[in-house]
Amino acid sequence: MLSLALTLALTSGAAAQEDGIIGPYDGQVPFNCELQNVGTGTAFPDPEADPFCVEFDKTNQNVTGFGIVEFALQEPARVAAAITKCFYFQRDHWTGSIVQGQGPELWHWDGDYFFDVARGVGGVSVRNFRLGGVPMDATPFVPPAYHPYFDPNGGGGVLVELETNPPSHCTSRVDTQEERDQVYGGRPAFLGCIPPGGELQGRRVGGIALGMRRQAVVGKLGIPHDHHPGVDRWCLVGKGGLRVAYRDAGDRVALIWTSSRGHAARGVARGDSARRAHRRLELDRLFDAGSTRVFEARAGGDRRLLVGLRGHRVRWLAIAERSAARDDGGLRKVLRRMR
C-alpha cells in the first residue's frame, strides 16, 4: 500500500528516475499556494489552481463499512486533478482499520508529495509510519535507492529528478525572477541550486544567451556557486550543472555548457540515447576529450551546437560562438575549462 502511494505520487506528473536522487526531502510545501483541504472527497474549491496544493483525509480505509472501496474509487479523480499541473503538492493521512474509528489500527502514515515539472524535480516524504499500531521502519516498502533517506523510526523522504523534458508552458511560468516569486513565494531553492529555466534554443539556454555581458548573466542567475578564471558555474535543481565561459578579451558569453535534463535541443537532452541524438541532431564527430566523444550538430548559423557522448548516452550539450571556437584546438581549450 505504501509503495503504491509513493509510485502514484510521483508518476502523476512524470516518472522518477531511481538513479536521479538529489537529496533528502522533509515534506515542506515548495510552492506559494493555498492548501485545499477536501477531506475524504474531491470537491476542490479551486480546481484550476496551479500551483495546485491539496490535503486529503484517507483515514476511512475500513473493511466492514466498505470505506476502503470508497477510498479506491476516489483515487482516479485525485490523479486526474493532478496530472495536468505544472506545480503540484499533496498532503495526506492514511489509516486502515476493520471498523471505522475503532481498533485495531491496521496501518497509518502521514505523507507529503510534490512534483515540479518546470524544474524537473519531485519529492516524497513519509512520517508516523505504523503497522498494527506499532511504529515501523518504512524502508522495506520503498524503492531500494531510497533506503538511505529513510530511518527505523517510521519516516523519511527523498528529493528526486523527474524523467521528463519540461514542456515550455511550464518552464515559461518561472523564467523570470518575478514569476518565480509568484510560484515559489520566497521558498528557498532546494540545495541552493537554480532552476534550469527552459530549453536550449538558438543562441539561448534557459534565460541566458551567447553574447550577453557577465553582469547581465549574474543578474539573471544570481551569484555563481563556483568561479574559475573566465568561467562561472551553477548547480541546477533537478541534477546537473550550468557553465558559462566568457571571451578572453572581454566579459561577453562565448560558450554555454549544460548537463541538465531540463535543457533540450530538438528534443535531445542529457541522459538520452546516442542513437536518438544522432538521428535528431545529425552529428559529426570532432574529437575525444578523455572518455567523452565530442560531436557537432549540423545547426548552421552563427553558433555551434556541441554534444558530449559517453558510453551510449548524452552527457552534456553546449552552444558556442563560432568566433570563439573556430577550430578544434580552441574548442578543446574552452571545453577543458568546463570540468
C-alpha atoms as a PDB file:
ATOM      1  CA  MET A   1       0.000   0.000   0.000  1.00  0.00           C
ATOM      2  CA  LEU A   2       2.783   2.462   0.901  1.00  0.00           C
ATOM      3  CA  SER A   3       4.854   1.639  -2.189  1.00  0.00           C
ATOM      4  CA  LEU A   4       1.752   2.131  -4.354  1.00  0.00           C
ATOM      5  CA  ALA A   5       1.105   5.531  -2.779  1.00  0.00           C
ATOM      6  CA  LEU A   6       4.677   6.680  -3.436  1.00  0.00           C
ATOM      7  CA  THR A   7       4.515   5.460  -7.023  1.00  0.00           C
ATOM      8  CA  LEU A   8       1.233   7.260  -7.696  1.00  0.00           C
ATOM      9  CA  ALA A   9       2.511  10.443  -6.069  1.00  0.00           C
ATOM     10  CA  LEU A  10       5.456  10.819  -8.438  1.00  0.00           C
ATOM     11  CA  THR A  11       4.080   9.260 -11.614  1.00  0.00           C
ATOM     12  CA  SER A  12       1.114  11.652 -11.612  1.00  0.00           C
ATOM     13  CA  GLY A  13       3.443  14.293 -13.043  1.00  0.00           C
ATOM     14  CA  ALA A  14       6.319  12.344 -14.571  1.00  0.00           C
ATOM     15  CA  ALA A  15       8.273   9.219 -13.875  1.00  0.00           C
ATOM     16  CA  ALA A  16      11.005   9.433 -11.263  1.00  0.00           C
ATOM     17  CA  GLN A  17      14.483   8.168 -12.023  1.00  0.00           C
ATOM     18  CA  GLU A  18      15.801   5.894  -9.296  1.00  0.00           C
ATOM     19  CA  ASP A  19      19.368   6.942 -10.162  1.00  0.00           C
ATOM     20  CA  GLY A  20      18.364  10.616 -10.127  1.00  0.00           C
ATOM     21  CA  ILE A  21      18.260  11.170  -6.377  1.00  0.00           C
ATOM     22  CA  ILE A  22      19.131  14.725  -5.371  1.00  0.00           C
ATOM     23  CA  GLY A  23      18.938  14.512  -1.594  1.00  0.00           C
ATOM     24  CA  PRO A  24      16.574  14.302   1.382  1.00  0.00           C
ATOM     25  CA  TYR A  25      13.129  15.892   1.439  1.00  0.00           C
ATOM     26  CA  ASP A  26      11.463  16.953   4.691  1.00  0.00           C
ATOM     27  CA  GLY A  27       7.893  17.417   3.471  1.00  0.00           C
ATOM     28  CA  GLN A  28       7.887  21.207   3.166  1.00  0.00           C
ATOM     29  CA  VAL A  29       5.442  22.869   0.766  1.00  0.00           C
ATOM     30  CA  PRO A  30       7.697  24.180  -2.032  1.00  0.00           C
ATOM     31  CA  PHE A  31       5.134  26.491  -3.632  1.00  0.00           C
ATOM     32  CA  ASN A  32       3.282  29.693  -2.871  1.00  0.00           C
ATOM     33  CA  CYS A  33      -0.225  28.222  -2.647  1.00  0.00           C
ATOM     34  CA  GLU A  34      -3.325  27.719  -0.551  1.00  0.00           C
ATOM     35  CA  LEU A  35      -3.647  24.160   0.770  1.00  0.00           C
ATOM     36  CA  GLN A  36      -7.087  22.980  -0.369  1.00  0.00           C
ATOM     37  CA  ASN A  37      -8.408  20.577   2.289  1.00  0.00           C
ATOM     38  CA  VAL A  38     -11.103  18.389   0.718  1.00  0.00           C
ATOM     39  CA  GLY A  39     -11.351  15.733   3.415  1.00  0.00           C
ATOM     40  CA  THR A  40     -12.250  12.308   2.062  1.00  0.00           C
ATOM     41  CA  GLY A  41     -13.599  13.671  -1.244  1.00  0.00           C
ATOM     42  CA  THR A  42     -12.510  15.532  -4.352  1.00  0.00           C
ATOM     43  CA  ALA A  43     -14.607  18.717  -4.234  1.00  0.00           C
ATOM     44  CA  PHE A  44     -11.679  21.078  -4.790  1.00  0.00           C
ATOM     45  CA  PRO A  45     -12.502  24.751  -4.025  1.00  0.00           C
ATOM     46  CA  ASP A  46     -10.161  25.872  -6.824  1.00  0.00           C
ATOM     47  CA  PRO A  47      -9.541  23.009  -9.273  1.00  0.00           C
ATOM     48  CA  GLU A  48      -7.870  25.322 -11.815  1.00  0.00           C
ATOM     49  CA  ALA A  49      -5.124  26.459  -9.415  1.00  0.00           C
ATOM     50  CA  ASP A  50      -1.512  25.859 -10.457  1.00  0.00           C
ATOM     51  CA  PRO A  51       0.418  25.587  -8.142  1.00  0.00           C
ATOM     52  CA  PHE A  52      -2.217  23.106  -7.026  1.00  0.00           C
ATOM     53  CA  CYS A  53      -1.836  22.156  -3.363  1.00  0.00           C
ATOM     54  CA  VAL A  54      -4.267  19.751  -1.702  1.00  0.00           C
ATOM     55  CA  GLU A  55      -4.762  17.847   1.546  1.00  0.00           C
ATOM     56  CA  PHE A  56      -6.717  14.578   1.727  1.00  0.00           C
ATOM     57  CA  ASP A  57      -8.127  12.627   4.648  1.00  0.00           C
ATOM     58  CA  LYS A  58      -7.601   8.952   3.801  1.00  0.00           C
ATOM     59  CA  THR A  59      -8.245   7.639   7.306  1.00  0.00           C
ATOM     60  CA  ASN A  60     -11.542   5.979   6.329  1.00  0.00           C
ATOM     61  CA  GLN A  61      -9.984   2.817   4.870  1.00  0.00           C
ATOM     62  CA  ASN A  62     -12.162   0.440   6.900  1.00  0.00           C
ATOM     63  CA  VAL A  63     -13.257  -3.060   5.910  1.00  0.00           C
ATOM     64  CA  THR A  64     -16.716  -3.565   7.398  1.00  0.00           C
ATOM     65  CA  GLY A  65     -18.108  -0.222   6.186  1.00  0.00           C
ATOM     66  CA  PHE A  66     -16.538  -0.618   2.717  1.00  0.00           C
ATOM     67  CA  GLY A  67     -14.546   2.567   3.349  1.00  0.00           C
ATOM     68  CA  ILE A  68     -11.553   1.064   1.589  1.00  0.00           C
ATOM     69  CA  VAL A  69     -13.706   0.602  -1.534  1.00  0.00           C
ATOM     70  CA  GLU A  70     -14.873   4.219  -1.387  1.00  0.00           C
ATOM     71  CA  PHE A  71     -11.251   5.325  -0.954  1.00  0.00           C
ATOM     72  CA  ALA A  72     -10.153   3.337  -4.025  1.00  0.00           C
ATOM     73  CA  LEU A  73     -12.950   4.797  -6.128  1.00  0.00           C
ATOM     74  CA  GLN A  74     -11.779   8.347  -5.286  1.00  0.00           C
ATOM     75  CA  GLU A  75      -8.155   7.819  -6.380  1.00  0.00           C
ATOM     76  CA  PRO A  76      -8.654   8.122 -10.187  1.00  0.00           C
ATOM     77  CA  ALA A  77     -10.265  11.561  -9.738  1.00  0.00           C
ATOM     78  CA  ARG A  78      -7.413  12.660  -7.478  1.00  0.00           C
ATOM     79  CA  VAL A  79      -4.796  11.581 -10.022  1.00  0.00           C
ATOM     80  CA  ALA A  80      -6.739  13.228 -12.865  1.00  0.00           C
ATOM     81  CA  ALA A  81      -6.800  16.526 -10.947  1.00  0.00           C
ATOM     82  CA  ALA A  82      -3.011  16.424 -10.542  1.00  0.00           C
ATOM     83  CA  ILE A  83      -1.749  15.117 -13.844  1.00  0.00           C
ATOM     84  CA  THR A  84      -2.218  18.314 -15.883  1.00  0.00           C
ATOM     85  CA  LYS A  85      -0.498  20.604 -13.361  1.00  0.00           C
ATOM     86  CA  CYS A  86       2.967  22.114 -13.649  1.00  0.00           C
ATOM     87  CA  PHE A  87       3.319  22.538  -9.869  1.00  0.00           C
ATOM     88  CA  TYR A  88       1.614  20.060  -7.526  1.00  0.00           C
ATOM     89  CA  PHE A  89       1.790  19.354  -3.788  1.00  0.00           C
ATOM     90  CA  GLN A  90      -0.239  16.801  -1.844  1.00  0.00           C
ATOM     91  CA  ARG A  91      -0.502  16.106   1.878  1.00  0.00           C
ATOM     92  CA  ASP A  92      -2.490  13.111   3.055  1.00  0.00           C
ATOM     93  CA  HIS A  93      -3.158  10.957   6.097  1.00  0.00           C
ATOM     94  CA  TRP A  94      -3.709   7.215   5.721  1.00  0.00           C
ATOM     95  CA  THR A  95      -5.329   4.875   8.258  1.00  0.00           C
ATOM     96  CA  GLY A  96      -6.685   1.363   7.748  1.00  0.00           C
ATOM     97  CA  SER A  97      -8.965  -0.444  10.204  1.00  0.00           C
ATOM     98  CA  ILE A  98     -11.508  -3.242  10.456  1.00  0.00           C
ATOM     99  CA  VAL A  99     -14.228  -0.993  11.877  1.00  0.00           C
ATOM    100  CA  GLN A 100     -14.073   2.758  11.251  1.00  0.00           C
ATOM    101  CA  GLY A 101     -12.861   4.663  14.311  1.00  0.00           C
ATOM    102  CA  GLN A 102     -12.139   1.513  16.317  1.00  0.00           C
ATOM    103  CA  GLY A 103      -9.046  -0.543  16.960  1.00  0.00           C
ATOM    104  CA  PRO A 104      -7.064  -2.325  15.954  1.00  0.00           C
ATOM    105  CA  GLU A 105      -5.311   0.089  13.605  1.00  0.00           C
ATOM    106  CA  LEU A 106      -4.049  -1.876  10.602  1.00  0.00           C
ATOM    107  CA  TRP A 107      -1.770   0.793   9.091  1.00  0.00           C
ATOM    108  CA  HIS A 108      -1.095   4.510   9.266  1.00  0.00           C
ATOM    109  CA  TRP A 109       1.199   7.164   7.849  1.00  0.00           C
ATOM    110  CA  ASP A 110       1.232  10.877   7.012  1.00  0.00           C
ATOM    111  CA  GLY A 111       2.564  11.723   3.581  1.00  0.00           C
ATOM    112  CA  ASP A 112       3.792  14.778   1.682  1.00  0.00           C
ATOM    113  CA  TYR A 113       4.471  14.575  -2.050  1.00  0.00           C
ATOM    114  CA  PHE A 114       5.133  17.068  -4.821  1.00  0.00           C
ATOM    115  CA  PHE A 115       6.249  17.408  -8.395  1.00  0.00           C
ATOM    116  CA  ASP A 116       7.616  20.499 -10.123  1.00  0.00           C
ATOM    117  CA  VAL A 117       7.535  19.905 -13.874  1.00  0.00           C
ATOM    118  CA  ALA A 118       9.323  23.173 -14.709  1.00  0.00           C
ATOM    119  CA  ARG A 119      12.329  22.336 -12.520  1.00  0.00           C
ATOM    120  CA  GLY A 120      12.177  18.623 -13.241  1.00  0.00           C
ATOM    121  CA  VAL A 121      12.089  17.575  -9.580  1.00  0.00           C
ATOM    122  CA  GLY A 122       9.719  15.786  -7.224  1.00  0.00           C
ATOM    123  CA  GLY A 123       9.701  14.588  -3.649  1.00  0.00           C
ATOM    124  CA  VAL A 124       8.097  12.085  -1.298  1.00  0.00           C
ATOM    125  CA  SER A 125       8.086  12.240   2.491  1.00  0.00           C
ATOM    126  CA  VAL A 126       6.550   9.776   4.944  1.00  0.00           C
ATOM    127  CA  ARG A 127       6.090  10.319   8.671  1.00  0.00           C
ATOM    128  CA  ASN A 128       4.487   8.332  11.524  1.00  0.00           C
ATOM    129  CA  PHE A 129       4.505   5.022   9.659  1.00  0.00           C
ATOM    130  CA  ARG A 130       2.831   2.302  11.754  1.00  0.00           C
ATOM    131  CA  LEU A 131       1.676  -1.270  11.185  1.00  0.00           C
ATOM    132  CA  GLY A 132      -0.756  -2.717  13.696  1.00  0.00           C
ATOM    133  CA  GLY A 133      -0.377   0.442  15.724  1.00  0.00           C
ATOM    134  CA  VAL A 134       3.363  -0.145  16.159  1.00  0.00           C
ATOM    135  CA  PRO A 135       5.915   2.357  14.750  1.00  0.00           C
ATOM    136  CA  MET A 136       7.777   0.638  11.918  1.00  0.00           C
ATOM    137  CA  ASP A 137      10.709   1.169   9.595  1.00  0.00           C
ATOM    138  CA  ALA A 138       9.306   2.163   6.184  1.00  0.00           C
ATOM    139  CA  THR A 139      12.496   1.160   4.348  1.00  0.00           C
ATOM    140  CA  PRO A 140      11.228  -2.284   3.168  1.00  0.00           C
ATOM    141  CA  PHE A 141       8.290  -0.584   1.452  1.00  0.00           C
ATOM    142  CA  VAL A 142      10.174   1.985  -0.657  1.00  0.00           C
ATOM    143  CA  PRO A 143      12.476   1.546  -3.690  1.00  0.00           C
ATOM    144  CA  PRO A 144      15.980   0.336  -2.749  1.00  0.00           C
ATOM    145  CA  ALA A 145      17.573   3.589  -3.954  1.00  0.00           C
ATOM    146  CA  TYR A 146      15.542   5.479  -1.324  1.00  0.00           C
ATOM    147  CA  HIS A 147      16.723   3.382   1.637  1.00  0.00           C
ATOM    148  CA  PRO A 148      19.482   5.767   2.821  1.00  0.00           C
ATOM    149  CA  TYR A 149      16.877   8.516   3.244  1.00  0.00           C
ATOM    150  CA  PHE A 150      14.506   6.555   5.496  1.00  0.00           C
ATOM    151  CA  ASP A 151      15.050   5.669   9.135  1.00  0.00           C
ATOM    152  CA  PRO A 152      13.855   2.944  11.551  1.00  0.00           C
ATOM    153  CA  ASN A 153      11.584   5.390  13.367  1.00  0.00           C
ATOM    154  CA  GLY A 154       8.783   5.406  10.802  1.00  0.00           C
ATOM    155  CA  GLY A 155       9.820   8.201   8.482  1.00  0.00           C
ATOM    156  CA  GLY A 156      11.983   9.619   5.756  1.00  0.00           C
ATOM    157  CA  GLY A 157      11.866  11.445   2.484  1.00  0.00           C
ATOM    158  CA  VAL A 158      13.740  11.892  -0.760  1.00  0.00           C
ATOM    159  CA  LEU A 159      14.019  14.568  -3.457  1.00  0.00           C
ATOM    160  CA  VAL A 160      14.366  13.080  -6.931  1.00  0.00           C
ATOM    161  CA  GLU A 161      14.851  14.079 -10.535  1.00  0.00           C
ATOM    162  CA  LEU A 162      11.905  13.521 -12.882  1.00  0.00           C
ATOM    163  CA  GLU A 163      12.401  11.722 -16.164  1.00  0.00           C
ATOM    164  CA  THR A 164      10.989  14.410 -18.422  1.00  0.00           C
ATOM    165  CA  ASN A 165      11.820  17.241 -20.763  1.00  0.00           C
ATOM    166  CA  PRO A 166       9.906  20.118 -19.162  1.00  0.00           C
ATOM    167  CA  PRO A 167       7.254  21.483 -21.562  1.00  0.00           C
ATOM    168  CA  SER A 168       7.535  25.135 -22.467  1.00  0.00           C
ATOM    169  CA  HIS A 169       4.132  26.009 -20.993  1.00  0.00           C
ATOM    170  CA  CYS A 170       5.562  25.057 -17.571  1.00  0.00           C
ATOM    171  CA  THR A 171       9.094  26.449 -17.872  1.00  0.00           C
ATOM    172  CA  SER A 172       7.766  29.754 -19.188  1.00  0.00           C
ATOM    173  CA  ARG A 173       5.878  30.133 -15.910  1.00  0.00           C
ATOM    174  CA  VAL A 174       9.147  30.600 -13.992  1.00  0.00           C
ATOM    175  CA  ASP A 175      11.613  32.092 -16.468  1.00  0.00           C
ATOM    176  CA  THR A 176      11.807  35.461 -14.707  1.00  0.00           C
ATOM    177  CA  GLN A 177      12.511  36.285 -11.075  1.00  0.00           C
ATOM    178  CA  GLU A 178       9.097  37.926 -10.710  1.00  0.00           C
ATOM    179  CA  GLU A 179       7.368  34.766 -11.936  1.00  0.00           C
ATOM    180  CA  ARG A 180       9.487  32.562  -9.682  1.00  0.00           C
ATOM    181  CA  ASP A 181       8.493  34.711  -6.715  1.00  0.00           C
ATOM    182  CA  GLN A 182       4.837  34.185  -7.605  1.00  0.00           C
ATOM    183  CA  VAL A 183       5.167  30.405  -7.875  1.00  0.00           C
ATOM    184  CA  TYR A 184       7.632  29.695  -5.091  1.00  0.00           C
ATOM    185  CA  GLY A 185       6.742  32.540  -2.742  1.00  0.00           C
ATOM    186  CA  GLY A 186      10.260  33.094  -1.459  1.00  0.00           C
ATOM    187  CA  ARG A 187      10.773  29.444  -0.513  1.00  0.00           C
ATOM    188  CA  PRO A 188      14.493  28.640  -0.506  1.00  0.00           C
ATOM    189  CA  ALA A 189      15.674  26.832  -3.602  1.00  0.00           C
ATOM    190  CA  PHE A 190      16.422  23.164  -2.980  1.00  0.00           C
ATOM    191  CA  LEU A 191      20.105  22.692  -2.153  1.00  0.00           C
ATOM    192  CA  GLY A 192      20.714  26.326  -3.139  1.00  0.00           C
ATOM    193  CA  CYS A 193      20.648  25.414  -6.835  1.00  0.00           C
ATOM    194  CA  ILE A 194      18.926  27.411  -9.561  1.00  0.00           C
ATOM    195  CA  PRO A 195      16.086  26.144 -11.805  1.00  0.00           C
ATOM    196  CA  PRO A 196      17.064  25.123 -15.375  1.00  0.00           C
ATOM    197  CA  GLY A 197      14.815  27.838 -16.799  1.00  0.00           C
ATOM    198  CA  GLY A 198      13.874  26.417 -20.197  1.00  0.00           C
ATOM    199  CA  GLU A 199      15.149  24.638 -23.286  1.00  0.00           C
ATOM    200  CA  LEU A 200      18.204  25.214 -25.434  1.00  0.00           C
ATOM    201  CA  GLN A 201      17.036  27.206 -28.438  1.00  0.00           C
ATOM    202  CA  GLY A 202      19.140  29.100 -30.944  1.00  0.00           C
ATOM    203  CA  ARG A 203      21.673  31.166 -29.028  1.00  0.00           C
ATOM    204  CA  ARG A 204      19.893  30.753 -25.678  1.00  0.00           C
ATOM    205  CA  VAL A 205      19.990  28.241 -22.848  1.00  0.00           C
ATOM    206  CA  GLY A 206      17.182  28.986 -20.431  1.00  0.00           C
ATOM    207  CA  GLY A 207      17.323  32.675 -19.605  1.00  0.00           C
ATOM    208  CA  ILE A 208      20.840  33.430 -20.845  1.00  0.00           C
ATOM    209  CA  ALA A 209      22.339  33.787 -24.314  1.00  0.00           C
ATOM    210  CA  LEU A 210      25.603  33.923 -26.197  1.00  0.00           C
ATOM    211  CA  GLY A 211      26.967  37.461 -26.317  1.00  0.00           C
ATOM    212  CA  MET A 212      25.411  38.571 -23.014  1.00  0.00           C
ATOM    213  CA  ARG A 213      27.618  40.515 -20.607  1.00  0.00           C
ATOM    214  CA  ARG A 214      28.624  38.758 -17.406  1.00  0.00           C
ATOM    215  CA  GLN A 215      26.846  41.377 -15.320  1.00  0.00           C
ATOM    216  CA  ALA A 216      23.558  40.547 -17.069  1.00  0.00           C
ATOM    217  CA  VAL A 217      24.128  36.799 -16.643  1.00  0.00           C
ATOM    218  CA  VAL A 218      24.761  37.121 -12.894  1.00  0.00           C
ATOM    219  CA  GLY A 219      21.766  39.443 -12.604  1.00  0.00           C
ATOM    220  CA  LYS A 220      19.639  36.739 -14.226  1.00  0.00           C
ATOM    221  CA  LEU A 221      21.013  33.643 -12.473  1.00  0.00           C
ATOM    222  CA  GLY A 222      22.437  35.003  -9.238  1.00  0.00           C
ATOM    223  CA  ILE A 223      25.953  34.717  -7.839  1.00  0.00           C
ATOM    224  CA  PRO A 224      27.762  31.671  -9.309  1.00  0.00           C
ATOM    225  CA  HIS A 225      28.273  28.729  -6.991  1.00  0.00           C
ATOM    226  CA  ASP A 226      31.838  28.461  -8.255  1.00  0.00           C
ATOM    227  CA  HIS A 227      34.119  30.657 -10.354  1.00  0.00           C
ATOM    228  CA  HIS A 228      37.340  29.992 -12.209  1.00  0.00           C
ATOM    229  CA  PRO A 229      39.113  32.479 -14.454  1.00  0.00           C
ATOM    230  CA  GLY A 230      36.797  33.113 -17.364  1.00  0.00           C
ATOM    231  CA  VAL A 231      34.170  30.539 -16.265  1.00  0.00           C
ATOM    232  CA  ASP A 232      31.144  30.766 -13.963  1.00  0.00           C
ATOM    233  CA  ARG A 233      29.440  27.637 -12.644  1.00  0.00           C
ATOM    234  CA  TRP A 234      25.982  26.994 -11.209  1.00  0.00           C
ATOM    235  CA  CYS A 235      24.357  23.790  -9.942  1.00  0.00           C
ATOM    236  CA  LEU A 236      20.850  23.177 -11.246  1.00  0.00           C
ATOM    237  CA  VAL A 237      17.783  21.943  -9.424  1.00  0.00           C
ATOM    238  CA  GLY A 238      16.888  18.559 -10.840  1.00  0.00           C
ATOM    239  CA  LYS A 239      20.540  17.444 -11.161  1.00  0.00           C
ATOM    240  CA  GLY A 240      23.190  18.765 -13.487  1.00  0.00           C
ATOM    241  CA  GLY A 241      25.243  21.894 -13.897  1.00  0.00           C
ATOM    242  CA  LEU A 242      25.469  25.047 -15.986  1.00  0.00           C
ATOM    243  CA  ARG A 243      28.819  26.513 -17.064  1.00  0.00           C
ATOM    244  CA  VAL A 244      29.340  29.836 -18.801  1.00  0.00           C
ATOM    245  CA  ALA A 245      32.654  30.715 -20.440  1.00  0.00           C
ATOM    246  CA  TYR A 246      33.482  34.289 -21.411  1.00  0.00           C
ATOM    247  CA  ARG A 247      35.617  35.677 -24.218  1.00  0.00           C
ATOM    248  CA  ASP A 248      39.281  36.014 -23.362  1.00  0.00           C
ATOM    249  CA  ALA A 249      39.274  39.663 -24.394  1.00  0.00           C
ATOM    250  CA  GLY A 250      36.143  40.704 -22.536  1.00  0.00           C
ATOM    251  CA  ASP A 251      33.203  39.676 -20.405  1.00  0.00           C
ATOM    252  CA  ARG A 252      30.696  38.516 -23.028  1.00  0.00           C
ATOM    253  CA  VAL A 253      29.410  34.932 -23.089  1.00  0.00           C
ATOM    254  CA  ALA A 254      31.291  32.788 -25.586  1.00  0.00           C
ATOM    255  CA  LEU A 255      30.084  29.291 -24.633  1.00  0.00           C
ATOM    256  CA  ILE A 256      27.248  27.849 -22.540  1.00  0.00           C
ATOM    257  CA  TRP A 257      27.587  24.234 -21.336  1.00  0.00           C
ATOM    258  CA  THR A 258      24.789  22.287 -19.624  1.00  0.00           C
ATOM    259  CA  SER A 259      24.321  18.806 -18.169  1.00  0.00           C
ATOM    260  CA  SER A 260      20.690  19.394 -17.207  1.00  0.00           C
ATOM    261  CA  ARG A 261      17.859  17.162 -18.313  1.00  0.00           C
ATOM    262  CA  GLY A 262      15.794  20.345 -18.470  1.00  0.00           C
ATOM    263  CA  HIS A 263      17.851  21.806 -21.333  1.00  0.00           C
ATOM    264  CA  ALA A 264      16.888  20.012 -24.516  1.00  0.00           C
ATOM    265  CA  ALA A 265      17.835  20.822 -28.104  1.00  0.00           C
ATOM    266  CA  ARG A 266      15.435  19.457 -30.728  1.00  0.00           C
ATOM    267  CA  GLY A 267      14.130  17.043 -28.115  1.00  0.00           C
ATOM    268  CA  VAL A 268      17.587  15.789 -27.070  1.00  0.00           C
ATOM    269  CA  ALA A 269      18.960  16.256 -23.539  1.00  0.00           C
ATOM    270  CA  ARG A 270      21.339  14.665 -21.042  1.00  0.00           C
ATOM    271  CA  GLY A 271      20.503  11.018 -20.487  1.00  0.00           C
ATOM    272  CA  ASP A 272      19.045  10.420 -23.953  1.00  0.00           C
ATOM    273  CA  SER A 273      20.486   7.651 -26.084  1.00  0.00           C
ATOM    274  CA  ALA A 274      23.318   8.315 -28.527  1.00  0.00           C
ATOM    275  CA  ARG A 275      21.107   6.886 -31.272  1.00  0.00           C
ATOM    276  CA  ARG A 276      18.399   9.480 -30.587  1.00  0.00           C
ATOM    277  CA  ALA A 277      20.997  12.269 -30.601  1.00  0.00           C
ATOM    278  CA  HIS A 278      22.452  11.138 -33.934  1.00  0.00           C
ATOM    279  CA  ARG A 279      19.016  10.843 -35.513  1.00  0.00           C
ATOM    280  CA  ARG A 280      17.655  14.189 -34.344  1.00  0.00           C
ATOM    281  CA  LEU A 281      20.794  16.329 -34.474  1.00  0.00           C
ATOM    282  CA  GLU A 282      22.752  14.808 -37.407  1.00  0.00           C
ATOM    283  CA  LEU A 283      26.028  14.689 -35.510  1.00  0.00           C
ATOM    284  CA  ASP A 284      29.537  14.913 -36.941  1.00  0.00           C
ATOM    285  CA  ARG A 285      32.368  13.655 -34.734  1.00  0.00           C
ATOM    286  CA  LEU A 286      35.009  16.229 -33.807  1.00  0.00           C
ATOM    287  CA  PHE A 287      37.404  14.700 -31.250  1.00  0.00           C
ATOM    288  CA  ASP A 288      37.682  12.787 -27.996  1.00  0.00           C
ATOM    289  CA  ALA A 289      38.049  14.558 -24.659  1.00  0.00           C
ATOM    290  CA  GLY A 290      39.098  11.803 -22.292  1.00  0.00           C
ATOM    291  CA  SER A 291      36.272   9.234 -22.218  1.00  0.00           C
ATOM    292  CA  THR A 292      33.833  11.689 -23.808  1.00  0.00           C
ATOM    293  CA  ARG A 293      33.306  11.834 -27.562  1.00  0.00           C
ATOM    294  CA  VAL A 294      32.582  15.374 -28.760  1.00  0.00           C
ATOM    295  CA  PHE A 295      30.251  15.902 -31.718  1.00  0.00           C
ATOM    296  CA  GLU A 296      28.825  18.902 -33.526  1.00  0.00           C
ATOM    297  CA  ALA A 297      25.238  19.120 -34.768  1.00  0.00           C
ATOM    298  CA  ARG A 298      24.560  20.464 -38.235  1.00  0.00           C
ATOM    299  CA  ALA A 299      22.933  23.560 -36.788  1.00  0.00           C
ATOM    300  CA  GLY A 300      24.316  26.271 -39.049  1.00  0.00           C
ATOM    301  CA  GLY A 301      24.058  29.941 -38.243  1.00  0.00           C
ATOM    302  CA  ASP A 302      26.474  31.889 -36.106  1.00  0.00           C
ATOM    303  CA  ARG A 303      26.763  29.357 -33.304  1.00  0.00           C
ATOM    304  CA  ARG A 304      27.937  25.783 -32.869  1.00  0.00           C
ATOM    305  CA  LEU A 305      25.779  23.151 -31.115  1.00  0.00           C
ATOM    306  CA  LEU A 306      28.022  20.603 -29.394  1.00  0.00           C
ATOM    307  CA  VAL A 307      27.157  17.249 -27.818  1.00  0.00           C
ATOM    308  CA  GLY A 308      29.233  15.143 -25.432  1.00  0.00           C
ATOM    309  CA  LEU A 309      28.583  11.388 -25.583  1.00  0.00           C
ATOM    310  CA  ARG A 310      29.936   8.857 -23.119  1.00  0.00           C
ATOM    311  CA  GLY A 311      29.059   5.215 -23.472  1.00  0.00           C
ATOM    312  CA  HIS A 312      25.726   5.210 -25.228  1.00  0.00           C
ATOM    313  CA  ARG A 313      24.274   8.318 -23.585  1.00  0.00           C
ATOM    314  CA  VAL A 314      24.277  12.087 -23.954  1.00  0.00           C
ATOM    315  CA  ARG A 315      26.270  13.604 -21.072  1.00  0.00           C
ATOM    316  CA  TRP A 316      26.121  17.305 -21.945  1.00  0.00           C
ATOM    317  CA  LEU A 317      25.148  19.879 -24.540  1.00  0.00           C
ATOM    318  CA  ALA A 318      26.851  23.195 -25.308  1.00  0.00           C
ATOM    319  CA  ILE A 319      26.485  26.128 -27.653  1.00  0.00           C
ATOM    320  CA  ALA A 320      29.441  28.259 -28.668  1.00  0.00           C
ATOM    321  CA  GLU A 321      30.019  31.353 -30.755  1.00  0.00           C
ATOM    322  CA  ARG A 322      31.863  30.455 -33.935  1.00  0.00           C
ATOM    323  CA  SER A 323      34.180  33.395 -33.403  1.00  0.00           C
ATOM    324  CA  ALA A 324      35.210  31.963 -30.014  1.00  0.00           C
ATOM    325  CA  ALA A 325      35.718  28.392 -31.209  1.00  0.00           C
ATOM    326  CA  ARG A 326      36.719  28.477 -34.870  1.00  0.00           C
ATOM    327  CA  ASP A 327      38.950  25.391 -34.724  1.00  0.00           C
ATOM    328  CA  ASP A 328      39.108  22.177 -32.728  1.00  0.00           C
ATOM    329  CA  GLY A 329      42.147  23.338 -30.796  1.00  0.00           C
ATOM    330  CA  GLY A 330      40.381  26.426 -29.499  1.00  0.00           C
ATOM    331  CA  LEU A 331      37.265  24.421 -28.752  1.00  0.00           C
ATOM    332  CA  ARG A 332      39.224  21.791 -26.795  1.00  0.00           C
ATOM    333  CA  LYS A 333      40.738  24.564 -24.710  1.00  0.00           C
ATOM    334  CA  VAL A 334      37.351  26.087 -23.872  1.00  0.00           C
ATOM    335  CA  LEU A 335      35.713  22.734 -23.083  1.00  0.00           C
ATOM    336  CA  ARG A 336      38.594  21.788 -20.788  1.00  0.00           C
ATOM    337  CA  ARG A 337      37.629  24.781 -18.631  1.00  0.00           C
ATOM    338  CA  MET A 338      34.107  23.335 -18.201  1.00  0.00           C
ATOM    339  CA  ARG A 339      35.318  20.485 -15.964  1.00  0.00           C
END
